[in-house]
Protein backbone atom coordinates (compact mmCIF):
# COMPACT_ATOMS: atom_id res chain seq x y z
CA UNK A 1 145.43 148.25 -48.56
CA UNK A 2 144.64 145.39 -45.88
CA UNK A 3 145.07 142.89 -48.56
CA UNK A 4 148.76 143.47 -48.94
CA UNK A 5 151.37 141.91 -47.01
CA UNK A 6 153.58 144.26 -44.37
CA UNK A 7 156.42 144.74 -46.85
CA UNK A 8 153.89 145.93 -49.65
CA UNK A 9 151.96 148.00 -47.07
CA UNK A 10 155.15 149.29 -45.86
CA UNK A 11 156.66 150.17 -49.57
CA UNK A 12 152.99 152.15 -49.90
CA UNK A 13 153.43 154.09 -46.74
CA UNK A 14 156.93 155.17 -48.13
CA UNK A 15 155.60 156.10 -51.59
CA UNK A 16 152.59 158.25 -50.07
CA UNK A 17 155.46 159.82 -47.60
CA UNK A 18 157.37 160.92 -50.85
CA UNK A 19 154.49 162.22 -52.68
CA UNK A 20 153.73 164.35 -49.80
CA UNK A 21 157.42 165.58 -49.83
CA UNK A 22 157.15 166.23 -53.54
CA UNK A 23 153.70 168.02 -53.51
CA UNK A 24 154.62 170.06 -50.48
CA UNK A 25 158.02 171.26 -52.37
CA UNK A 26 156.36 171.74 -55.69
CA UNK A 27 153.42 173.96 -54.08
CA UNK A 28 155.97 176.21 -52.47
CA UNK A 29 158.08 176.42 -55.98
CA UNK A 30 154.74 177.05 -57.94
CA UNK A 31 153.32 179.57 -55.82
CA UNK A 32 150.25 177.75 -54.45
CA UNK A 33 149.70 174.98 -57.19
CA UNK A 34 149.78 171.37 -56.70
CA UNK A 35 152.19 168.95 -58.48
CA UNK A 36 150.02 165.76 -57.21
CA UNK A 37 146.84 166.92 -56.05
CA UNK A 38 144.98 167.55 -59.13
CA UNK A 39 141.51 168.12 -57.35
CA UNK A 40 143.19 171.57 -55.82
CA UNK A 41 144.30 172.31 -59.16
CA UNK A 42 141.13 171.98 -61.07
CA UNK A 43 139.63 174.23 -58.26
CA UNK A 44 142.00 176.85 -58.86
CA UNK A 45 141.51 176.38 -62.95
CA UNK A 46 137.93 177.00 -62.19
CA UNK A 47 138.38 179.94 -59.95
CA UNK A 48 140.84 181.49 -62.14
CA UNK A 49 139.20 180.89 -65.31
CA UNK A 50 135.83 182.60 -63.89
CA UNK A 51 137.91 185.53 -62.97
CA UNK A 52 139.87 185.54 -66.69
CA UNK A 53 143.14 185.03 -65.25
CA UNK A 54 145.91 184.04 -67.49
CA UNK A 55 146.94 182.13 -64.64
CA UNK A 56 144.78 179.39 -65.35
CA UNK A 57 147.10 178.24 -67.91
CA UNK A 58 149.15 177.10 -64.86
CA UNK A 59 146.76 174.43 -63.67
CA UNK A 60 145.89 173.30 -66.98
CA UNK A 61 149.68 172.70 -67.67
CA UNK A 62 150.25 170.72 -64.32
CA UNK A 63 146.93 168.66 -65.10
CA UNK A 64 148.40 167.90 -68.49
CA UNK A 65 152.00 166.80 -67.19
CA UNK A 66 150.47 164.66 -64.45
CA UNK A 67 148.04 162.83 -66.99
CA UNK A 68 150.93 162.36 -69.18
CA UNK A 69 153.04 160.78 -66.25
CA UNK A 70 149.91 158.49 -65.39
CA UNK A 71 149.92 157.16 -69.24
CA UNK A 72 153.54 156.84 -69.11
CA UNK A 73 153.61 154.78 -65.77
CA UNK A 74 150.55 152.64 -66.87
CA UNK A 75 152.77 151.68 -70.36
CA UNK A 76 155.76 151.13 -68.22
CA UNK A 77 153.91 148.96 -65.73
CA UNK A 78 151.92 146.94 -68.50
CA UNK A 79 155.20 145.97 -70.58
CA UNK A 80 157.32 145.32 -67.46
CA UNK A 81 157.78 141.80 -65.73
CA UNK A 82 158.35 144.09 -62.66
CA UNK A 83 155.89 146.61 -62.62
CA UNK A 84 156.38 148.32 -58.90
CA UNK A 85 159.98 148.68 -59.87
CA UNK A 86 159.86 150.04 -63.09
CA UNK A 87 157.18 152.48 -62.28
CA UNK A 88 159.67 153.86 -59.42
CA UNK A 89 162.63 153.85 -61.60
CA UNK A 90 160.54 156.12 -64.12
CA UNK A 91 159.44 158.54 -60.94
CA UNK A 92 162.95 158.46 -59.93
CA UNK A 93 164.56 159.38 -63.19
CA UNK A 94 161.76 162.20 -63.50
CA UNK A 95 162.42 163.59 -60.21
CA UNK A 96 165.99 163.69 -60.88
CA UNK A 97 165.41 165.73 -64.04
CA UNK A 98 163.47 168.16 -61.59
CA UNK A 99 166.25 168.09 -59.11
CA UNK A 100 168.79 169.11 -62.05
CA UNK A 101 166.23 171.74 -63.41
CA UNK A 102 165.99 173.17 -59.75
CA UNK A 103 169.81 173.39 -59.32
CA UNK A 104 169.83 175.39 -62.76
CA UNK A 105 167.25 177.78 -61.55
CA UNK A 106 164.39 176.30 -64.41
CA UNK A 107 161.78 176.02 -61.58
CA UNK A 108 159.07 175.63 -64.20
CA UNK A 109 160.67 172.22 -65.47
CA UNK A 110 161.29 171.37 -61.91
CA UNK A 111 157.56 171.88 -61.33
CA UNK A 112 156.68 170.03 -64.55
CA UNK A 113 158.96 167.21 -63.96
CA UNK A 114 157.89 166.59 -60.18
CA UNK A 115 153.87 166.51 -61.56
CA UNK A 116 155.13 164.11 -64.35
CA UNK A 117 156.53 161.85 -61.60
CA UNK A 118 153.70 162.08 -59.41
CA UNK A 119 151.39 161.00 -61.98
CA UNK A 120 153.80 158.21 -62.93
CA UNK A 121 154.11 157.15 -59.45
CA UNK A 122 150.41 156.21 -58.90
CA UNK A 123 150.92 153.28 -61.06
CA UNK A 124 153.34 151.43 -58.46
CA UNK A 125 150.13 149.85 -57.30
CA UNK A 126 147.99 148.41 -59.96
CA UNK A 127 145.45 145.38 -60.16
CA UNK A 128 144.15 144.14 -63.05
CA UNK A 129 145.17 147.33 -64.92
CA UNK A 130 143.84 149.84 -62.79
CA UNK A 131 145.08 151.73 -59.77
CA UNK A 132 144.87 149.68 -56.58
CA UNK A 133 146.26 152.01 -54.03
CA UNK A 134 146.24 155.97 -54.53
CA UNK A 135 149.60 156.93 -53.27
CA UNK A 136 149.30 160.56 -54.45
CA UNK A 137 145.85 161.56 -53.48
CA UNK A 138 144.20 160.64 -49.95
CA UNK A 139 140.57 161.62 -50.22
CA UNK A 140 139.57 157.83 -50.83
CA UNK A 141 141.75 156.67 -47.99
CA UNK A 142 139.94 158.88 -45.77
CA UNK A 143 136.69 158.21 -46.89
CA UNK A 144 137.57 154.41 -46.53
CA UNK A 145 138.75 155.36 -42.90
CA UNK A 146 135.65 156.96 -42.02
CA UNK A 147 133.51 154.06 -43.16
CA UNK A 148 135.43 151.71 -41.06
CA UNK A 149 134.73 153.96 -37.93
CA UNK A 150 131.28 153.70 -39.05
CA UNK A 151 131.43 149.90 -39.19
CA UNK A 152 133.07 149.71 -35.88
CA UNK A 153 130.27 152.10 -34.32
CA UNK A 154 128.00 149.68 -35.83
CA UNK A 155 129.37 146.63 -34.14
CA UNK A 156 131.10 145.27 -37.46
CA UNK A 157 134.70 144.53 -38.41
CA UNK A 158 136.31 146.92 -40.48
CA UNK A 159 139.19 145.32 -41.95
CA UNK A 160 142.08 147.97 -43.45
CA UNK A 161 140.36 151.02 -41.93
CA UNK A 162 143.81 151.83 -39.95
CA UNK A 163 145.78 151.11 -42.86
CA UNK A 164 144.16 153.80 -44.60
CA UNK A 165 144.71 156.29 -42.11
CA UNK A 166 148.46 155.19 -41.93
CA UNK A 167 148.62 155.68 -45.61
CA UNK A 168 147.11 159.27 -44.96
CA UNK A 169 149.25 159.98 -42.11
CA UNK A 170 152.46 159.18 -44.33
CA UNK A 171 151.61 161.66 -46.92
CA UNK A 172 151.04 164.21 -44.26
CA UNK A 173 154.39 163.46 -42.75
CA UNK A 174 155.89 163.64 -45.86
CA UNK A 175 154.34 166.88 -46.70
CA UNK A 176 155.17 168.65 -43.36
CA UNK A 177 159.15 167.29 -43.89
CA UNK A 178 158.79 168.53 -47.22
CA UNK A 179 157.74 172.02 -46.72
CA UNK A 180 160.12 172.42 -43.75
CA UNK A 181 163.09 171.33 -45.80
CA UNK A 182 162.45 173.30 -48.58
CA UNK A 183 161.96 176.66 -46.35
CA UNK A 184 165.18 175.77 -44.43
CA UNK A 185 167.42 174.25 -46.84
CA UNK A 186 166.05 175.09 -50.39
CA UNK A 187 169.15 174.01 -52.32
CA UNK A 188 168.85 170.59 -50.76
CA UNK A 189 165.45 169.80 -50.61
CA UNK A 190 165.04 168.65 -54.25
CA UNK A 191 167.63 165.79 -53.94
CA UNK A 192 166.29 164.33 -50.65
CA UNK A 193 163.35 162.68 -52.51
CA UNK A 194 165.69 161.69 -55.31
CA UNK A 195 167.44 159.48 -52.46
CA UNK A 196 164.06 158.59 -51.05
CA UNK A 197 162.61 157.61 -54.43
CA UNK A 198 165.77 155.26 -55.09
CA UNK A 199 165.68 153.59 -51.86
CA UNK A 200 162.18 152.87 -52.68
CA UNK A 201 163.19 151.45 -56.04
CA UNK A 202 165.43 149.30 -54.10
CA UNK A 203 162.77 148.05 -51.80
CA UNK A 204 160.36 147.14 -54.59
CA UNK A 205 163.16 145.07 -56.29
CA UNK A 206 163.46 143.00 -53.21
CA UNK A 207 159.65 142.61 -52.81
CA UNK A 208 159.40 141.50 -56.24
CA UNK A 209 162.39 139.04 -56.56
CA UNK A 210 160.93 137.46 -53.02
CA UNK A 211 157.80 136.76 -55.09
CA UNK A 212 159.96 134.56 -57.61
C-alpha cells in the first residue's frame, strides 16, 4: 500500500469500504454466508459437510461465483488499457444486476451477483499479473500491520503499516454502514453500493487519465 500515491491509496480505501458494505448486506441476505470472505465460507463448508447438511451447497456455490468473478476481472484487466476503470465498471454492472434482482425479490441472484462482483473487484489493484492489494479480505492487511508494530517495537521503520490498518478500517466501516442500512432501509440498501461503485469508476478514470 505505501508504494501507491495518495489518489491510489484513497481509491483502495474506497474499494475496501464498498466491499465491507456489500459483504455485510450479502451476509444478512444469505443468512450467515459471505459474498467476499471465502475463508469464512470455507469454514462453513467444512462444518456443514461434516454434519452432512444439504446447506453445504450454499458455500460451494458462493465460492464458485467468487472465483468466477476473479477470473472474469483478471481477463478484463489484462485486455484493457485502463485496468482499474474496466474492472470497476465490470463490478458496477454486477452490483447493478444484484440490485435489480433484489428489487424483484430474487435474493439468491442478488447474493450470487454480489459474490461475482466482489471476486472481480479484487483485480482493481494488480502488479505483474498478480493481485497487489486485497480489497475484500483483510487478514493480510492485519498481518502487515502487526509486523509493522513489531518492527517499530524493535526500533526499525515500518513503512505502510498505518496504510494497511486504514485499509482494514475502511472495510470495517463499510461493513457497519452496510449492516445498518440493510436493517433500517432494506429496499434502499442494494442501490447504495451501486452509486458507490459508479463513483469509484469515475475516480479510477481520473487517476488513469492523469498517468497518460
